[in-house]
N, C-alpha and C. Protein backbone atom coordinates (compact mmCIF):
# COMPACT_ATOMS: atom_id res chain seq x y z
N UNK A 1 -29.73 -5.91 -13.52
CA UNK A 1 -29.27 -4.62 -13.07
C UNK A 1 -27.90 -4.80 -12.42
N UNK A 2 -26.98 -3.87 -12.68
CA UNK A 2 -25.66 -3.95 -12.09
C UNK A 2 -25.73 -3.54 -10.63
N UNK A 3 -24.75 -4.00 -9.83
CA UNK A 3 -24.78 -3.66 -8.41
C UNK A 3 -24.46 -2.17 -8.19
N UNK A 4 -24.99 -1.65 -7.09
CA UNK A 4 -24.74 -0.26 -6.71
C UNK A 4 -23.52 -0.26 -5.81
N UNK A 5 -22.55 0.56 -6.16
CA UNK A 5 -21.33 0.69 -5.37
C UNK A 5 -21.36 2.04 -4.66
N UNK A 6 -21.30 2.02 -3.33
CA UNK A 6 -21.29 3.25 -2.54
C UNK A 6 -19.93 3.36 -1.87
N UNK A 7 -19.34 4.53 -1.95
CA UNK A 7 -18.04 4.74 -1.33
C UNK A 7 -17.90 6.17 -0.84
N UNK A 8 -17.06 6.38 0.21
CA UNK A 8 -16.76 7.74 0.63
C UNK A 8 -15.86 8.41 -0.40
N UNK A 9 -16.02 9.70 -0.56
CA UNK A 9 -15.24 10.45 -1.54
C UNK A 9 -14.08 11.12 -0.81
N UNK A 10 -12.84 10.90 -1.31
CA UNK A 10 -11.71 11.60 -0.70
C UNK A 10 -11.74 13.09 -1.04
N UNK A 11 -11.05 13.86 -0.23
CA UNK A 11 -11.00 15.31 -0.40
C UNK A 11 -10.65 15.72 -1.83
N UNK A 12 -9.75 15.00 -2.45
CA UNK A 12 -9.28 15.35 -3.79
C UNK A 12 -10.31 15.12 -4.88
N UNK A 13 -11.37 14.37 -4.59
CA UNK A 13 -12.36 14.02 -5.62
C UNK A 13 -13.75 14.61 -5.36
N UNK A 14 -13.85 15.69 -4.62
CA UNK A 14 -15.16 16.25 -4.27
C UNK A 14 -15.89 16.89 -5.44
N UNK A 15 -15.19 17.34 -6.45
CA UNK A 15 -15.81 18.11 -7.54
C UNK A 15 -16.92 17.32 -8.24
N UNK A 16 -16.69 16.06 -8.60
CA UNK A 16 -17.71 15.30 -9.35
C UNK A 16 -19.03 15.14 -8.59
N UNK A 17 -19.00 14.66 -7.33
CA UNK A 17 -20.29 14.54 -6.63
C UNK A 17 -20.94 15.90 -6.38
N UNK A 18 -20.13 16.94 -6.20
CA UNK A 18 -20.71 18.26 -5.99
C UNK A 18 -21.47 18.74 -7.23
N UNK A 19 -21.04 18.32 -8.40
CA UNK A 19 -21.76 18.73 -9.62
C UNK A 19 -23.21 18.27 -9.58
N UNK A 20 -23.45 17.07 -9.07
CA UNK A 20 -24.83 16.60 -8.94
C UNK A 20 -25.63 17.51 -8.02
N UNK A 21 -25.04 17.86 -6.88
CA UNK A 21 -25.73 18.73 -5.93
C UNK A 21 -25.91 20.14 -6.50
N UNK A 22 -24.94 20.61 -7.25
CA UNK A 22 -25.04 21.94 -7.87
C UNK A 22 -26.17 21.98 -8.88
N UNK A 23 -26.33 20.90 -9.65
CA UNK A 23 -27.44 20.83 -10.62
C UNK A 23 -28.78 20.93 -9.90
N UNK A 24 -28.89 20.23 -8.80
CA UNK A 24 -30.15 20.13 -8.05
C UNK A 24 -30.41 21.36 -7.21
N UNK A 25 -29.43 21.80 -6.45
CA UNK A 25 -29.64 22.85 -5.46
C UNK A 25 -29.28 24.26 -5.93
N UNK A 26 -28.42 24.36 -6.95
CA UNK A 26 -27.89 25.67 -7.34
C UNK A 26 -28.10 25.96 -8.83
N UNK A 27 -29.03 25.25 -9.46
CA UNK A 27 -29.30 25.45 -10.89
C UNK A 27 -28.03 25.38 -11.72
N UNK A 28 -27.12 24.49 -11.34
CA UNK A 28 -25.90 24.28 -12.09
C UNK A 28 -24.76 25.22 -11.74
N UNK A 29 -25.00 26.20 -10.90
CA UNK A 29 -23.93 27.16 -10.54
C UNK A 29 -22.95 26.48 -9.58
N UNK A 30 -21.66 26.49 -9.90
CA UNK A 30 -20.68 25.87 -9.01
C UNK A 30 -20.61 26.58 -7.66
N UNK A 31 -20.28 25.81 -6.63
CA UNK A 31 -20.06 26.42 -5.32
C UNK A 31 -18.79 27.27 -5.41
N UNK A 32 -18.73 28.37 -4.66
CA UNK A 32 -17.53 29.21 -4.69
C UNK A 32 -16.29 28.43 -4.23
N UNK A 33 -15.15 28.78 -4.80
CA UNK A 33 -13.89 28.12 -4.47
C UNK A 33 -13.59 28.04 -2.99
N UNK A 34 -13.73 29.16 -2.25
CA UNK A 34 -13.46 29.08 -0.81
C UNK A 34 -14.38 28.10 -0.08
N UNK A 35 -15.63 27.97 -0.53
CA UNK A 35 -16.54 27.02 0.10
C UNK A 35 -16.10 25.59 -0.21
N UNK A 36 -15.65 25.33 -1.44
CA UNK A 36 -15.14 24.01 -1.81
C UNK A 36 -13.93 23.65 -0.94
N UNK A 37 -13.08 24.63 -0.69
CA UNK A 37 -11.91 24.40 0.17
C UNK A 37 -12.36 24.07 1.60
N UNK A 38 -13.37 24.79 2.08
CA UNK A 38 -13.89 24.52 3.42
C UNK A 38 -14.48 23.11 3.50
N UNK A 39 -15.21 22.69 2.47
CA UNK A 39 -15.73 21.32 2.45
C UNK A 39 -14.58 20.32 2.52
N UNK A 40 -13.52 20.59 1.76
CA UNK A 40 -12.35 19.70 1.79
C UNK A 40 -11.75 19.61 3.18
N UNK A 41 -11.65 20.74 3.88
CA UNK A 41 -11.11 20.74 5.25
C UNK A 41 -12.01 19.92 6.18
N UNK A 42 -13.32 20.08 6.02
CA UNK A 42 -14.26 19.33 6.87
C UNK A 42 -14.18 17.83 6.60
N UNK A 43 -14.04 17.45 5.34
CA UNK A 43 -13.89 16.03 5.00
C UNK A 43 -12.58 15.51 5.57
N UNK A 44 -11.51 16.27 5.39
CA UNK A 44 -10.19 15.87 5.90
C UNK A 44 -10.22 15.69 7.42
N UNK A 45 -10.94 16.56 8.12
CA UNK A 45 -11.02 16.51 9.58
C UNK A 45 -11.95 15.41 10.08
N UNK A 46 -12.76 14.83 9.19
CA UNK A 46 -13.72 13.81 9.60
C UNK A 46 -15.04 14.36 10.10
N UNK A 47 -15.25 15.66 9.95
CA UNK A 47 -16.51 16.27 10.38
C UNK A 47 -17.60 16.14 9.33
N UNK A 48 -17.23 15.78 8.11
CA UNK A 48 -18.16 15.67 6.99
C UNK A 48 -17.71 14.50 6.13
N UNK A 49 -18.67 13.75 5.63
CA UNK A 49 -18.37 12.69 4.66
C UNK A 49 -19.29 12.88 3.47
N UNK A 50 -18.74 12.70 2.30
CA UNK A 50 -19.51 12.71 1.06
C UNK A 50 -19.46 11.29 0.52
N UNK A 51 -20.63 10.70 0.34
CA UNK A 51 -20.74 9.34 -0.17
C UNK A 51 -21.32 9.39 -1.57
N UNK A 52 -20.76 8.62 -2.48
CA UNK A 52 -21.35 8.55 -3.82
C UNK A 52 -21.80 7.13 -4.10
N UNK A 53 -22.86 7.05 -4.88
CA UNK A 53 -23.36 5.76 -5.36
C UNK A 53 -23.12 5.71 -6.86
N UNK A 54 -22.47 4.64 -7.29
CA UNK A 54 -22.22 4.46 -8.72
C UNK A 54 -23.08 3.30 -9.22
N UNK A 55 -23.66 3.50 -10.37
CA UNK A 55 -24.53 2.51 -10.99
C UNK A 55 -24.28 2.57 -12.49
N UNK A 56 -24.10 1.43 -13.11
CA UNK A 56 -23.84 1.39 -14.55
C UNK A 56 -22.65 2.26 -14.95
N UNK A 57 -21.63 2.30 -14.08
CA UNK A 57 -20.39 2.99 -14.41
C UNK A 57 -20.39 4.50 -14.24
N UNK A 58 -21.45 5.07 -13.65
CA UNK A 58 -21.46 6.52 -13.46
C UNK A 58 -22.06 6.86 -12.11
N UNK A 59 -21.83 8.11 -11.68
CA UNK A 59 -22.37 8.56 -10.41
C UNK A 59 -23.88 8.71 -10.53
N UNK A 60 -24.60 7.99 -9.68
CA UNK A 60 -26.07 8.01 -9.72
C UNK A 60 -26.66 8.80 -8.57
N UNK A 61 -25.89 8.95 -7.49
CA UNK A 61 -26.41 9.66 -6.33
C UNK A 61 -25.30 10.09 -5.40
N UNK A 62 -25.64 11.00 -4.51
CA UNK A 62 -24.67 11.53 -3.55
C UNK A 62 -25.38 11.81 -2.23
N UNK A 63 -24.66 11.59 -1.13
CA UNK A 63 -25.18 11.87 0.21
C UNK A 63 -24.08 12.61 0.98
N UNK A 64 -24.46 13.68 1.66
CA UNK A 64 -23.53 14.44 2.49
C UNK A 64 -23.93 14.20 3.95
N UNK A 65 -22.98 13.72 4.72
CA UNK A 65 -23.21 13.32 6.10
C UNK A 65 -22.33 14.17 7.02
N UNK A 66 -22.93 14.87 7.97
CA UNK A 66 -22.19 15.73 8.89
C UNK A 66 -22.23 15.14 10.30
N UNK A 67 -21.12 15.27 11.01
CA UNK A 67 -21.00 14.79 12.38
C UNK A 67 -20.81 15.98 13.31
N UNK A 68 -21.57 15.99 14.41
CA UNK A 68 -21.51 17.11 15.36
C UNK A 68 -21.64 16.58 16.79
N UNK A 69 -21.02 17.29 17.74
CA UNK A 69 -21.22 16.90 19.13
C UNK A 69 -22.61 17.35 19.62
N UNK A 70 -23.18 16.57 20.51
CA UNK A 70 -24.45 16.93 21.12
C UNK A 70 -24.24 16.93 22.63
N UNK A 71 -24.25 18.11 23.20
CA UNK A 71 -23.96 18.27 24.62
C UNK A 71 -24.99 17.55 25.49
N UNK A 72 -26.28 17.61 25.12
CA UNK A 72 -27.32 17.03 25.99
C UNK A 72 -27.16 15.53 26.16
N UNK A 73 -26.69 14.83 25.14
CA UNK A 73 -26.50 13.38 25.27
C UNK A 73 -25.04 13.01 25.49
N UNK A 74 -24.15 13.98 25.38
CA UNK A 74 -22.74 13.72 25.62
C UNK A 74 -22.12 12.79 24.59
N UNK A 75 -22.55 12.94 23.34
CA UNK A 75 -22.04 12.08 22.28
C UNK A 75 -22.15 12.81 20.94
N UNK A 76 -21.57 12.19 19.94
CA UNK A 76 -21.65 12.73 18.58
C UNK A 76 -22.92 12.22 17.92
N UNK A 77 -23.57 13.10 17.15
CA UNK A 77 -24.70 12.66 16.33
C UNK A 77 -24.39 13.02 14.90
N UNK A 78 -25.19 12.52 13.98
CA UNK A 78 -24.97 12.78 12.56
C UNK A 78 -26.25 13.28 11.92
N UNK A 79 -26.07 14.04 10.86
CA UNK A 79 -27.23 14.49 10.09
C UNK A 79 -26.93 14.33 8.61
N UNK A 80 -27.95 13.94 7.90
CA UNK A 80 -27.86 13.88 6.45
C UNK A 80 -28.17 15.28 5.95
N UNK A 81 -27.17 15.94 5.42
CA UNK A 81 -27.32 17.31 4.95
C UNK A 81 -27.96 17.37 3.57
N UNK A 82 -27.58 16.45 2.72
CA UNK A 82 -28.13 16.38 1.36
C UNK A 82 -28.11 14.93 0.91
N UNK A 83 -29.15 14.54 0.19
CA UNK A 83 -29.19 13.25 -0.48
C UNK A 83 -29.88 13.49 -1.80
N UNK A 84 -29.19 13.16 -2.88
CA UNK A 84 -29.76 13.37 -4.21
C UNK A 84 -29.46 12.17 -5.09
N UNK A 85 -30.48 11.73 -5.80
CA UNK A 85 -30.34 10.65 -6.78
C UNK A 85 -30.84 11.19 -8.12
N UNK A 86 -30.04 10.95 -9.15
CA UNK A 86 -30.45 11.39 -10.50
C UNK A 86 -31.85 10.84 -10.80
N UNK A 87 -32.71 11.64 -11.41
CA UNK A 87 -34.07 11.17 -11.71
C UNK A 87 -34.10 9.83 -12.46
N UNK A 88 -33.20 9.63 -13.40
CA UNK A 88 -33.19 8.39 -14.18
C UNK A 88 -32.82 7.17 -13.33
N UNK A 89 -32.20 7.40 -12.18
CA UNK A 89 -31.75 6.30 -11.33
C UNK A 89 -32.62 6.09 -10.10
N UNK A 90 -33.70 6.82 -9.99
CA UNK A 90 -34.60 6.67 -8.85
C UNK A 90 -35.39 5.37 -8.98
N UNK A 91 -35.80 4.85 -7.85
CA UNK A 91 -36.54 3.59 -7.76
C UNK A 91 -35.72 2.39 -8.24
N UNK A 92 -34.39 2.53 -8.11
CA UNK A 92 -33.48 1.44 -8.46
C UNK A 92 -32.64 1.03 -7.26
N UNK A 93 -32.96 1.57 -6.08
CA UNK A 93 -32.25 1.20 -4.86
C UNK A 93 -31.07 2.09 -4.51
N UNK A 94 -30.85 3.16 -5.28
CA UNK A 94 -29.70 4.03 -5.06
C UNK A 94 -29.85 4.78 -3.73
N UNK A 95 -31.00 5.40 -3.51
CA UNK A 95 -31.22 6.12 -2.26
C UNK A 95 -31.10 5.21 -1.05
N UNK A 96 -31.68 4.04 -1.15
CA UNK A 96 -31.62 3.08 -0.04
C UNK A 96 -30.18 2.64 0.22
N UNK A 97 -29.40 2.44 -0.84
CA UNK A 97 -28.00 2.06 -0.68
C UNK A 97 -27.19 3.18 -0.03
N UNK A 98 -27.46 4.43 -0.40
CA UNK A 98 -26.79 5.56 0.23
C UNK A 98 -27.15 5.67 1.71
N UNK A 99 -28.43 5.51 2.03
CA UNK A 99 -28.86 5.54 3.44
C UNK A 99 -28.19 4.44 4.25
N UNK A 100 -28.14 3.24 3.69
CA UNK A 100 -27.51 2.13 4.40
C UNK A 100 -26.03 2.41 4.62
N UNK A 101 -25.37 2.96 3.62
CA UNK A 101 -23.94 3.29 3.77
C UNK A 101 -23.74 4.36 4.84
N UNK A 102 -24.63 5.36 4.88
CA UNK A 102 -24.54 6.41 5.91
C UNK A 102 -24.71 5.79 7.30
N UNK A 103 -25.67 4.90 7.44
CA UNK A 103 -25.89 4.25 8.72
C UNK A 103 -24.69 3.39 9.11
N UNK A 104 -24.09 2.72 8.14
CA UNK A 104 -22.90 1.92 8.40
C UNK A 104 -21.74 2.80 8.86
N UNK A 105 -21.55 3.94 8.20
CA UNK A 105 -20.48 4.87 8.57
C UNK A 105 -20.71 5.38 9.99
N UNK A 106 -21.96 5.66 10.33
CA UNK A 106 -22.27 6.11 11.70
C UNK A 106 -21.93 5.01 12.70
N UNK A 107 -22.32 3.78 12.38
CA UNK A 107 -22.02 2.67 13.27
C UNK A 107 -20.53 2.49 13.50
N UNK A 108 -19.74 2.66 12.45
CA UNK A 108 -18.28 2.55 12.57
C UNK A 108 -17.72 3.60 13.51
N UNK A 109 -18.38 4.73 13.61
CA UNK A 109 -17.90 5.83 14.45
C UNK A 109 -18.59 5.88 15.82
N UNK A 110 -19.44 4.90 16.10
CA UNK A 110 -20.13 4.87 17.39
C UNK A 110 -21.25 5.89 17.51
N UNK A 111 -21.77 6.34 16.38
CA UNK A 111 -22.87 7.31 16.37
C UNK A 111 -24.18 6.54 16.36
N UNK A 112 -25.05 6.83 17.33
CA UNK A 112 -26.30 6.09 17.45
C UNK A 112 -27.53 6.91 17.07
N UNK A 113 -27.34 8.15 16.62
CA UNK A 113 -28.48 9.00 16.26
C UNK A 113 -28.18 9.67 14.93
N UNK A 114 -29.07 9.47 13.98
CA UNK A 114 -28.94 10.05 12.64
C UNK A 114 -30.23 10.76 12.30
N UNK A 115 -30.14 12.03 11.93
CA UNK A 115 -31.34 12.80 11.61
C UNK A 115 -31.26 13.34 10.19
N UNK A 116 -32.45 13.72 9.70
CA UNK A 116 -32.55 14.33 8.38
C UNK A 116 -33.78 15.23 8.38
N UNK A 117 -33.70 16.32 7.64
CA UNK A 117 -34.86 17.19 7.43
C UNK A 117 -35.30 16.99 5.99
N UNK A 118 -36.59 16.79 5.79
CA UNK A 118 -37.10 16.56 4.44
C UNK A 118 -38.20 17.55 4.11
N UNK A 119 -38.30 17.86 2.83
CA UNK A 119 -39.34 18.76 2.34
C UNK A 119 -40.23 18.09 1.31
N UNK A 120 -39.68 17.13 0.59
CA UNK A 120 -40.41 16.49 -0.50
C UNK A 120 -41.06 15.19 -0.04
N UNK A 121 -42.27 14.94 -0.54
CA UNK A 121 -42.99 13.73 -0.15
C UNK A 121 -42.25 12.47 -0.58
N UNK A 122 -41.62 12.49 -1.76
CA UNK A 122 -40.87 11.32 -2.23
C UNK A 122 -39.73 10.99 -1.29
N UNK A 123 -39.03 12.02 -0.83
CA UNK A 123 -37.93 11.81 0.11
C UNK A 123 -38.46 11.30 1.44
N UNK A 124 -39.55 11.87 1.88
CA UNK A 124 -40.15 11.44 3.15
C UNK A 124 -40.51 9.95 3.08
N UNK A 125 -41.04 9.51 1.95
CA UNK A 125 -41.41 8.10 1.79
C UNK A 125 -40.18 7.20 1.84
N UNK A 126 -39.08 7.63 1.21
CA UNK A 126 -37.84 6.85 1.24
C UNK A 126 -37.36 6.68 2.68
N UNK A 127 -37.32 7.77 3.41
CA UNK A 127 -36.85 7.70 4.80
C UNK A 127 -37.79 6.85 5.66
N UNK A 128 -39.09 7.04 5.51
CA UNK A 128 -40.06 6.27 6.30
C UNK A 128 -39.91 4.78 6.01
N UNK A 129 -39.73 4.42 4.75
CA UNK A 129 -39.56 3.01 4.37
C UNK A 129 -38.27 2.43 4.94
N UNK A 130 -37.33 3.31 5.28
CA UNK A 130 -36.05 2.87 5.84
C UNK A 130 -36.03 2.94 7.36
N UNK A 131 -37.19 3.22 7.97
CA UNK A 131 -37.30 3.19 9.43
C UNK A 131 -37.16 4.53 10.12
N UNK A 132 -37.06 5.62 9.37
CA UNK A 132 -36.97 6.96 9.99
C UNK A 132 -38.36 7.41 10.41
N UNK A 133 -38.43 8.09 11.55
CA UNK A 133 -39.71 8.53 12.09
C UNK A 133 -39.71 10.03 12.31
N UNK A 134 -40.87 10.63 12.20
CA UNK A 134 -41.03 12.04 12.50
C UNK A 134 -40.91 12.25 14.00
N UNK A 135 -40.17 13.27 14.39
CA UNK A 135 -40.06 13.60 15.80
C UNK A 135 -41.18 14.57 16.13
N UNK A 136 -42.13 14.16 16.96
CA UNK A 136 -43.33 14.97 17.19
C UNK A 136 -43.06 16.33 17.82
N UNK A 137 -42.00 16.45 18.63
CA UNK A 137 -41.74 17.72 19.30
C UNK A 137 -40.70 18.57 18.59
N UNK A 138 -40.20 18.11 17.46
CA UNK A 138 -39.14 18.86 16.76
C UNK A 138 -39.74 19.93 15.87
N UNK A 139 -39.12 21.07 15.90
CA UNK A 139 -39.50 22.19 15.03
C UNK A 139 -38.22 22.77 14.46
N UNK A 140 -38.24 23.13 13.22
CA UNK A 140 -37.08 23.75 12.60
C UNK A 140 -37.37 25.23 12.44
N UNK A 141 -36.50 26.04 13.00
CA UNK A 141 -36.59 27.49 12.85
C UNK A 141 -35.31 27.94 12.16
N UNK A 142 -35.39 28.96 11.34
CA UNK A 142 -34.19 29.45 10.67
C UNK A 142 -34.26 30.96 10.52
N UNK A 143 -33.11 31.54 10.26
CA UNK A 143 -33.02 32.97 10.04
C UNK A 143 -31.85 33.24 9.11
N UNK A 144 -32.05 34.04 8.09
CA UNK A 144 -30.95 34.45 7.21
C UNK A 144 -30.17 35.55 7.90
N UNK A 145 -28.85 35.45 7.86
CA UNK A 145 -27.97 36.41 8.50
C UNK A 145 -27.22 37.22 7.44
N UNK A 146 -26.87 38.42 7.79
CA UNK A 146 -26.12 39.29 6.88
C UNK A 146 -24.63 39.01 7.07
N UNK A 147 -23.95 38.84 5.95
CA UNK A 147 -22.50 38.65 5.98
C UNK A 147 -21.87 40.04 5.92
N UNK A 148 -21.14 40.38 6.95
CA UNK A 148 -20.52 41.70 7.02
C UNK A 148 -19.09 41.64 6.50
N UNK A 149 -18.62 42.78 6.04
CA UNK A 149 -17.22 42.87 5.62
C UNK A 149 -17.00 42.59 4.15
N UNK A 150 -18.04 42.35 3.40
CA UNK A 150 -17.87 42.15 1.96
C UNK A 150 -18.32 43.42 1.25
N UNK A 151 -17.96 43.55 -0.01
CA UNK A 151 -18.34 44.72 -0.78
C UNK A 151 -19.84 44.92 -0.78
N UNK A 152 -20.54 43.84 -0.90
CA UNK A 152 -22.00 43.87 -0.95
C UNK A 152 -22.51 42.95 0.15
N UNK A 153 -23.21 43.48 1.11
CA UNK A 153 -23.73 42.63 2.17
C UNK A 153 -24.86 41.76 1.62
N UNK A 154 -24.71 40.46 1.84
CA UNK A 154 -25.68 39.49 1.31
C UNK A 154 -26.24 38.67 2.44
N UNK A 155 -27.52 38.33 2.35
CA UNK A 155 -28.06 37.39 3.35
C UNK A 155 -27.38 36.04 3.19
N UNK A 156 -27.06 35.43 4.30
CA UNK A 156 -26.47 34.11 4.29
C UNK A 156 -27.58 33.08 4.37
N UNK A 157 -27.62 32.17 3.40
CA UNK A 157 -28.68 31.14 3.39
C UNK A 157 -28.32 29.98 4.25
């Protein structure tokens, strides 16, 4: 098996890794142009990193890592916003390589807390095998908001 190469994606190259996420999360529908521009600004500012894993000469997986301040601890923390590995490349170490790269990037920035929210059992197993633990007191609550000022008001996901 060829080695897995993980690298951060520069602002100018976001389109390719986003295609993987669009296939998975958006049924292939591209993200709107203004949102792509916003992602580019966040990457440029260092608030977001997109990591890609290449295997056998092609993109096999992608991880989106966000950095935010946490007032209660007085430091920056990170969250894995998305992690996706092509089905054909699963169980080949791609997810584990992406997680390790994310942890390394956090270490380089002095970030000591990395969180992720999971819904799928397969993803939960990957994280558990990598040392991630369920936070017993954590609860996720959400609410869709209406975007005002557009021709058609839409709930914001």
